[in-house]
Amino acid sequence: MTRRLLLVAGIPGTGKTTFCQCLHRNEGWIHLDIDWLGTSKPWPNEQLRQSWHEAISTNNPTNFVDACKRAGNVAIDWMFPVHCISI
């Protein structure tokens, strides 16, 4: 089974969150909104939370990407252009 990791990036108000929520509701995707990742909102998966914090602290997203692939289809809602990050 193919697992997908979708990065949805753009300026505020363009429908990123709405689109990702639609994937979550209608297709069962895991939705991660970068805006709330540092808040007290619960993570859908503890392994994703741990690997996200590791990726941020080491500037290496490899384990986070692997954790996303193990978790299922994941849509990440990003509030700025993807070219602003190093992947």
C-alpha atoms as a PDB file:
ATOM      1  CA  MET A   1       0.000   0.000   0.000  1.00  0.00           C
ATOM      2  CA  THR A   2       1.392   3.385  -0.999  1.00  0.00           C
ATOM      3  CA  ARG A   3       1.563   5.964   1.795  1.00  0.00           C
ATOM      4  CA  ARG A   4       1.496   9.619   0.858  1.00  0.00           C
ATOM      5  CA  LEU A   5       2.931  12.708   2.513  1.00  0.00           C
ATOM      6  CA  LEU A   6       1.361  15.904   1.201  1.00  0.00           C
ATOM      7  CA  LEU A   7       2.759  19.348   2.050  1.00  0.00           C
ATOM      8  CA  VAL A   8       0.149  22.061   1.500  1.00  0.00           C
ATOM      9  CA  ALA A   9       1.856  25.452   1.660  1.00  0.00           C
ATOM     10  CA  GLY A  10       0.884  29.022   0.982  1.00  0.00           C
ATOM     11  CA  ILE A  11      -0.125  32.347   2.361  1.00  0.00           C
ATOM     12  CA  PRO A  12      -2.842  32.653   5.025  1.00  0.00           C
ATOM     13  CA  GLY A  13      -6.459  32.426   3.907  1.00  0.00           C
ATOM     14  CA  THR A  14      -5.952  30.330   0.771  1.00  0.00           C
ATOM     15  CA  GLY A  15      -7.811  27.232   2.022  1.00  0.00           C
ATOM     16  CA  LYS A  16      -4.889  25.027   3.138  1.00  0.00           C
ATOM     17  CA  THR A  17      -6.501  23.982   6.407  1.00  0.00           C
ATOM     18  CA  THR A  18      -9.919  23.500   4.812  1.00  0.00           C
ATOM     19  CA  PHE A  19      -8.425  21.248   2.135  1.00  0.00           C
ATOM     20  CA  CYS A  20      -6.475  19.156   4.676  1.00  0.00           C
ATOM     21  CA  GLN A  21      -9.509  18.861   6.959  1.00  0.00           C
ATOM     22  CA  CYS A  22     -11.508  17.644   3.959  1.00  0.00           C
ATOM     23  CA  LEU A  23      -8.879  14.942   3.295  1.00  0.00           C
ATOM     24  CA  HIS A  24      -9.051  13.969   6.973  1.00  0.00           C
ATOM     25  CA  ARG A  25     -12.851  13.863   7.118  1.00  0.00           C
ATOM     26  CA  ASN A  26     -13.554  12.253   3.757  1.00  0.00           C
ATOM     27  CA  GLU A  27     -10.480  10.118   3.052  1.00  0.00           C
ATOM     28  CA  GLY A  28      -9.094   9.307   6.521  1.00  0.00           C
ATOM     29  CA  TRP A  29      -5.832  11.231   6.108  1.00  0.00           C
ATOM     30  CA  ILE A  30      -3.933  12.402   9.181  1.00  0.00           C
ATOM     31  CA  HIS A  31      -3.934  16.217   9.247  1.00  0.00           C
ATOM     32  CA  LEU A  32      -1.034  18.064  10.850  1.00  0.00           C
ATOM     33  CA  ASP A  33      -1.309  21.848  10.993  1.00  0.00           C
ATOM     34  CA  ILE A  34       2.114  23.386  11.620  1.00  0.00           C
ATOM     35  CA  ASP A  35       0.423  26.328  13.388  1.00  0.00           C
ATOM     36  CA  TRP A  36      -0.766  24.090  16.231  1.00  0.00           C
ATOM     37  CA  LEU A  37       2.138  21.653  16.460  1.00  0.00           C
ATOM     38  CA  GLY A  38       3.764  23.630  19.273  1.00  0.00           C
ATOM     39  CA  THR A  39       0.529  24.106  21.218  1.00  0.00           C
ATOM     40  CA  SER A  40      -1.251  21.868  23.705  1.00  0.00           C
ATOM     41  CA  LYS A  41      -3.499  20.361  20.996  1.00  0.00           C
ATOM     42  CA  PRO A  42      -3.181  16.585  21.011  1.00  0.00           C
ATOM     43  CA  TRP A  43      -1.145  14.927  18.288  1.00  0.00           C
ATOM     44  CA  PRO A  44      -2.838  12.161  16.292  1.00  0.00           C
ATOM     45  CA  ASN A  45       0.151   9.902  16.907  1.00  0.00           C
ATOM     46  CA  GLU A  46       2.904   9.988  19.578  1.00  0.00           C
ATOM     47  CA  GLN A  47       5.578   8.793  17.149  1.00  0.00           C
ATOM     48  CA  LEU A  48       4.789  11.740  14.866  1.00  0.00           C
ATOM     49  CA  ARG A  49       5.102  14.153  17.789  1.00  0.00           C
ATOM     50  CA  GLN A  50       8.458  12.767  18.892  1.00  0.00           C
ATOM     51  CA  SER A  51       9.896  12.641  15.385  1.00  0.00           C
ATOM     52  CA  TRP A  52       8.676  16.201  14.657  1.00  0.00           C
ATOM     53  CA  HIS A  53      10.481  17.591  17.708  1.00  0.00           C
ATOM     54  CA  GLU A  54      13.601  15.626  16.764  1.00  0.00           C
ATOM     55  CA  ALA A  55      13.451  16.998  13.199  1.00  0.00           C
ATOM     56  CA  ILE A  56      13.203  20.574  14.492  1.00  0.00           C
ATOM     57  CA  SER A  57      16.014  20.187  17.027  1.00  0.00           C
ATOM     58  CA  THR A  58      18.410  18.439  14.603  1.00  0.00           C
ATOM     59  CA  ASN A  59      17.318  20.167  11.371  1.00  0.00           C
ATOM     60  CA  ASN A  60      16.937  16.689   9.869  1.00  0.00           C
ATOM     61  CA  PRO A  61      13.439  15.653   8.739  1.00  0.00           C
ATOM     62  CA  THR A  62      14.322  12.048   7.800  1.00  0.00           C
ATOM     63  CA  ASN A  63      12.828  10.347  10.880  1.00  0.00           C
ATOM     64  CA  PHE A  64       9.720  12.550  10.712  1.00  0.00           C
ATOM     65  CA  VAL A  65       9.127  11.659   7.059  1.00  0.00           C
ATOM     66  CA  ASP A  66       9.599   7.966   7.895  1.00  0.00           C
ATOM     67  CA  ALA A  67       7.158   8.246  10.827  1.00  0.00           C
ATOM     68  CA  CYS A  68       4.595   9.884   8.538  1.00  0.00           C
ATOM     69  CA  LYS A  69       4.921   7.050   6.037  1.00  0.00           C
ATOM     70  CA  ARG A  70       4.381   4.475   8.797  1.00  0.00           C
ATOM     71  CA  ALA A  71       1.356   6.361  10.163  1.00  0.00           C
ATOM     72  CA  GLY A  72      -0.563   6.469   6.881  1.00  0.00           C
ATOM     73  CA  ASN A  73      -1.471   9.236   4.494  1.00  0.00           C
ATOM     74  CA  VAL A  74      -0.466  12.542   6.081  1.00  0.00           C
ATOM     75  CA  ALA A  75      -1.370  16.062   4.937  1.00  0.00           C
ATOM     76  CA  ILE A  76       0.743  18.834   6.454  1.00  0.00           C
ATOM     77  CA  ASP A  77      -0.681  22.339   6.406  1.00  0.00           C
ATOM     78  CA  TRP A  78       2.213  24.823   6.151  1.00  0.00           C
ATOM     79  CA  MET A  79       1.681  28.583   6.374  1.00  0.00           C
ATOM     80  CA  PHE A  80       4.603  29.623   4.178  1.00  0.00           C
ATOM     81  CA  PRO A  81       6.122  28.503   0.884  1.00  0.00           C
ATOM     82  CA  VAL A  82       7.860  25.121   1.014  1.00  0.00           C
ATOM     83  CA  HIS A  83      11.021  26.604  -0.561  1.00  0.00           C
ATOM     84  CA  CYS A  84      11.608  28.408   2.760  1.00  0.00           C
ATOM     85  CA  ILE A  85      12.531  25.128   4.468  1.00  0.00           C
ATOM     86  CA  SER A  86      15.409  22.792   3.819  1.00  0.00           C
ATOM     87  CA  ILE A  87      14.246  19.266   2.958  1.00  0.00           C
END
